[in-house]
Amino acid sequence: DGSPCLRRVVSSPLAGLGGTVENDRHASPAAWAIFFLRYIAYAPPQQTRRVREIAADNAIYCRADLIAHPDLLERGFWEPSFHARLHQSGRDLCLTTALRVVHHNRYTVRHFLRQRFHHGTQFGLTRGSSFDPLRRIAYILLSPLLPGLFMIKILQRTLRHAQYRHHLPAAFPWLLLYVIAWGAGEGWGYLQSLHRTRRVPT
């Protein structure tokens, strides 16, 4: 029951409250790769604390904080962009152990690759639109490094969870494909942002 968590968001200065995510123990290697990419940062054990990011798949947000940014809502709800804007606005996010879900993957590999590219594009476009032109060009040139950086971060997080490590070798090829798709999308988003007028968050 998420009612106490909902009341906590409504009655506090929090913009959002996110929970922990475990994986289906019968998941395929491709599905484990999705879990490592999207949810390993929220895998138990965790402690309730202020965080930079929460998993929107298991979260409660303050509605007023979301509708305050209509420019982001125009492109749908992409949590990295919203989280960055919320922090810029002085709003906090919190991770709690009171909200718990189990991830059961329903994506095909093709569908998830397409989703990663699209999500990466939206992130790069939103982020790049706030940069000056020189910085946008720098991010475009550096974007081929993104998959490697993502992989290092994911591996570091995964290796801290002893109960998941043995799934990593089989999942690794799929994980590599997924981070390449995101990196390509983010780079494409930065490229598209060259045609956007710089927008300063309010």
Protein backbone atom coordinates (compact mmCIF):
# COMPACT_ATOMS: atom_id res chain seq x y z
CA ASP A 1 0.00 0.00 0.00
CA GLY A 2 1.59 3.27 -1.13
CA SER A 3 -0.84 5.52 0.77
CA PRO A 4 1.63 6.52 3.54
CA CYS A 5 4.21 7.35 0.86
CA LEU A 6 1.67 9.44 -1.05
CA ARG A 7 0.80 11.37 2.11
CA ARG A 8 4.52 11.92 2.74
CA VAL A 9 4.97 13.56 -0.67
CA VAL A 10 1.87 15.72 -0.28
CA SER A 11 2.82 16.92 3.21
CA SER A 12 6.56 17.47 2.62
CA PRO A 13 8.84 19.57 0.40
CA LEU A 14 9.66 16.50 -1.68
CA ALA A 15 8.98 16.59 -5.42
CA GLY A 16 9.10 12.80 -5.67
CA LEU A 17 9.53 9.60 -3.70
CA GLY A 18 10.92 6.47 -5.36
CA GLY A 19 11.26 2.89 -4.17
CA THR A 20 13.44 -0.17 -4.65
CA VAL A 21 13.34 -2.53 -7.63
CA GLU A 22 14.21 -6.22 -7.64
CA ASN A 23 14.43 -8.45 -10.71
CA ASP A 24 12.50 -11.55 -11.67
CA ARG A 25 14.85 -14.39 -10.74
CA HIS A 26 13.74 -16.33 -13.83
CA ALA A 27 14.59 -13.48 -16.23
CA SER A 28 16.44 -14.10 -19.50
CA PRO A 29 19.96 -12.67 -20.04
CA ALA A 30 18.47 -9.89 -22.21
CA ALA A 31 16.03 -9.03 -19.43
CA TRP A 32 18.81 -9.07 -16.82
CA ALA A 33 20.65 -6.56 -19.01
CA ILE A 34 17.60 -4.27 -18.89
CA PHE A 35 17.52 -4.59 -15.11
CA PHE A 36 21.24 -3.78 -14.83
CA LEU A 37 20.86 -0.76 -17.09
CA ARG A 38 17.68 0.73 -15.62
CA TYR A 39 17.29 -0.50 -12.05
CA ILE A 40 20.54 -1.71 -10.48
CA ALA A 41 20.93 1.68 -8.76
CA TYR A 42 17.65 0.98 -6.93
CA ALA A 43 18.21 -2.69 -6.12
CA PRO A 44 18.05 -3.63 -2.44
CA PRO A 45 19.55 -3.31 0.05
CA GLN A 46 19.01 0.44 0.22
CA GLN A 47 18.62 3.09 2.88
CA THR A 48 15.99 5.82 2.87
CA ARG A 49 17.78 9.00 1.78
CA ARG A 50 17.80 12.03 -0.51
CA VAL A 51 18.98 11.07 -4.03
CA ARG A 52 19.57 12.63 -7.44
CA GLU A 53 17.49 10.05 -9.33
CA ILE A 54 14.55 7.71 -8.66
CA ALA A 55 12.99 5.01 -10.83
CA ALA A 56 9.82 6.52 -12.26
CA ASP A 57 8.42 2.99 -12.68
CA ASN A 58 8.13 2.83 -8.89
CA ALA A 59 7.64 6.41 -7.76
CA ILE A 60 5.17 9.03 -6.58
CA TYR A 61 5.55 12.61 -7.78
CA CYS A 62 4.02 15.88 -6.67
CA ARG A 63 1.74 16.84 -9.59
CA ALA A 64 2.35 20.56 -9.15
CA ASP A 65 6.08 20.07 -9.65
CA LEU A 66 5.53 18.27 -12.96
CA ILE A 67 2.99 20.63 -14.52
CA ALA A 68 5.23 23.57 -13.59
CA HIS A 69 7.44 22.59 -16.55
CA PRO A 70 5.17 22.48 -19.63
CA ASP A 71 8.14 22.66 -22.01
CA LEU A 72 9.26 19.24 -20.78
CA LEU A 73 5.76 17.79 -20.77
CA GLU A 74 5.43 18.64 -24.48
CA ARG A 75 7.79 15.72 -25.19
CA GLY A 76 6.27 13.33 -22.63
CA PHE A 77 7.64 12.31 -19.25
CA TRP A 78 11.38 11.63 -19.47
CA GLU A 79 12.54 11.36 -15.88
CA PRO A 80 16.23 12.40 -16.28
CA SER A 81 15.13 15.71 -17.78
CA PHE A 82 12.50 16.27 -15.10
CA HIS A 83 14.81 15.26 -12.28
CA ALA A 84 17.47 17.71 -13.45
CA ARG A 85 14.91 20.50 -13.69
CA LEU A 86 13.44 19.68 -10.27
CA HIS A 87 16.87 19.87 -8.65
CA GLN A 88 17.56 23.18 -10.44
CA SER A 89 14.30 24.45 -8.93
CA GLY A 90 15.46 23.52 -5.43
CA ARG A 91 13.18 20.49 -5.11
CA ASP A 92 14.30 17.17 -3.62
CA LEU A 93 13.84 13.49 -4.49
CA CYS A 94 13.96 10.71 -1.92
CA LEU A 95 14.54 6.96 -2.13
CA THR A 96 12.51 4.89 0.31
CA THR A 97 12.49 1.20 1.19
CA ALA A 98 8.72 1.38 1.77
CA LEU A 99 7.95 1.13 -1.96
CA ARG A 100 9.06 -2.23 -3.40
CA VAL A 101 8.40 -3.80 -6.80
CA VAL A 102 9.73 -6.74 -8.85
CA HIS A 103 10.72 -6.08 -12.45
CA HIS A 104 9.16 -8.53 -14.96
CA ASN A 105 10.40 -7.60 -18.42
CA ARG A 106 7.93 -7.42 -21.32
CA TYR A 107 10.19 -5.76 -23.90
CA THR A 108 11.60 -7.54 -26.93
CA VAL A 109 15.24 -6.71 -27.64
CA ARG A 110 14.26 -4.74 -30.76
CA HIS A 111 11.62 -2.76 -28.87
CA PHE A 112 13.97 -1.92 -26.02
CA LEU A 113 16.77 -0.84 -28.38
CA ARG A 114 14.31 1.48 -30.11
CA GLN A 115 13.12 2.81 -26.75
CA ARG A 116 16.68 3.42 -25.55
CA PHE A 117 17.56 5.35 -28.69
CA HIS A 118 14.41 7.47 -28.45
CA HIS A 119 14.87 8.11 -24.74
CA GLY A 120 18.52 9.04 -25.27
CA THR A 121 17.52 11.41 -28.07
CA GLN A 122 14.98 13.19 -25.86
CA PHE A 123 17.53 13.50 -23.06
CA GLY A 124 20.24 14.87 -25.36
CA LEU A 125 17.81 17.28 -27.03
CA THR A 126 16.47 18.62 -23.73
CA ARG A 127 19.90 18.90 -22.17
CA GLY A 128 21.58 20.32 -25.26
CA SER A 129 18.87 22.96 -25.72
CA SER A 130 20.08 24.64 -22.51
CA PHE A 131 23.71 24.82 -23.73
CA ASP A 132 25.41 27.52 -25.75
CA PRO A 133 26.40 26.44 -29.31
CA LEU A 134 30.05 25.79 -28.47
CA ARG A 135 29.15 23.47 -25.62
CA ARG A 136 26.65 21.63 -27.83
CA ILE A 137 29.37 20.96 -30.39
CA ALA A 138 31.70 19.70 -27.64
CA TYR A 139 29.06 17.25 -26.41
CA ILE A 140 28.42 16.02 -29.96
CA LEU A 141 32.13 15.33 -30.46
CA LEU A 142 32.41 13.55 -27.10
CA SER A 143 29.22 11.47 -27.48
CA PRO A 144 31.06 8.36 -28.86
CA LEU A 145 32.53 7.99 -25.35
CA LEU A 146 29.09 7.70 -23.74
CA PRO A 147 28.58 3.89 -24.06
CA GLY A 148 31.90 3.21 -22.36
CA LEU A 149 31.14 5.61 -19.53
CA PHE A 150 27.69 4.12 -19.03
CA MET A 151 29.11 0.59 -19.00
CA ILE A 152 31.71 1.44 -16.36
CA LYS A 153 29.07 2.98 -14.10
CA ILE A 154 26.69 0.02 -14.52
CA LEU A 155 29.41 -2.55 -13.88
CA GLN A 156 30.56 -0.73 -10.74
CA ARG A 157 27.02 -0.73 -9.38
CA THR A 158 26.35 -4.35 -10.31
CA LEU A 159 29.53 -5.68 -8.77
CA ARG A 160 28.50 -4.19 -5.44
CA HIS A 161 25.50 -6.58 -5.39
CA ALA A 162 26.85 -10.09 -4.80
CA GLN A 163 23.45 -11.69 -5.45
CA TYR A 164 23.41 -10.41 -9.05
CA ARG A 165 27.01 -10.81 -10.21
CA HIS A 166 26.63 -14.30 -11.66
CA HIS A 167 24.02 -13.00 -14.14
CA LEU A 168 26.41 -10.42 -15.58
CA PRO A 169 28.46 -12.56 -18.06
CA ALA A 170 25.38 -13.79 -19.97
CA ALA A 171 23.77 -10.35 -19.89
CA PHE A 172 26.89 -8.45 -20.96
CA PRO A 173 26.41 -8.62 -24.79
CA TRP A 174 22.83 -7.34 -24.49
CA LEU A 175 23.89 -4.66 -22.05
CA LEU A 176 26.52 -3.46 -24.50
CA LEU A 177 23.91 -3.17 -27.26
CA TYR A 178 21.59 -1.22 -24.98
CA VAL A 179 24.19 1.35 -23.90
CA ILE A 180 25.30 1.85 -27.51
CA ALA A 181 21.66 2.55 -28.46
CA TRP A 182 21.33 5.13 -25.68
CA GLY A 183 24.68 6.76 -26.48
CA ALA A 184 23.76 7.03 -30.17
CA GLY A 185 20.41 8.54 -29.25
CA GLU A 186 21.90 11.06 -26.84
CA GLY A 187 24.46 12.12 -29.44
CA TRP A 188 21.69 12.53 -32.01
CA GLY A 189 19.75 14.63 -29.51
CA TYR A 190 22.72 16.96 -29.05
CA LEU A 191 23.00 17.26 -32.83
CA GLN A 192 19.30 18.14 -33.12
CA SER A 193 19.70 20.73 -30.36
CA LEU A 194 21.92 22.79 -32.67
CA HIS A 195 18.70 23.88 -34.39
CA ARG A 196 16.99 24.84 -31.14
CA THR A 197 16.99 28.27 -29.54
CA ARG A 198 18.65 28.16 -26.16
CA ARG A 199 16.01 27.82 -23.44
CA VAL A 200 16.81 28.86 -19.88
CA PRO A 201 14.84 26.95 -17.19
CA THR A 202 12.43 29.06 -15.12
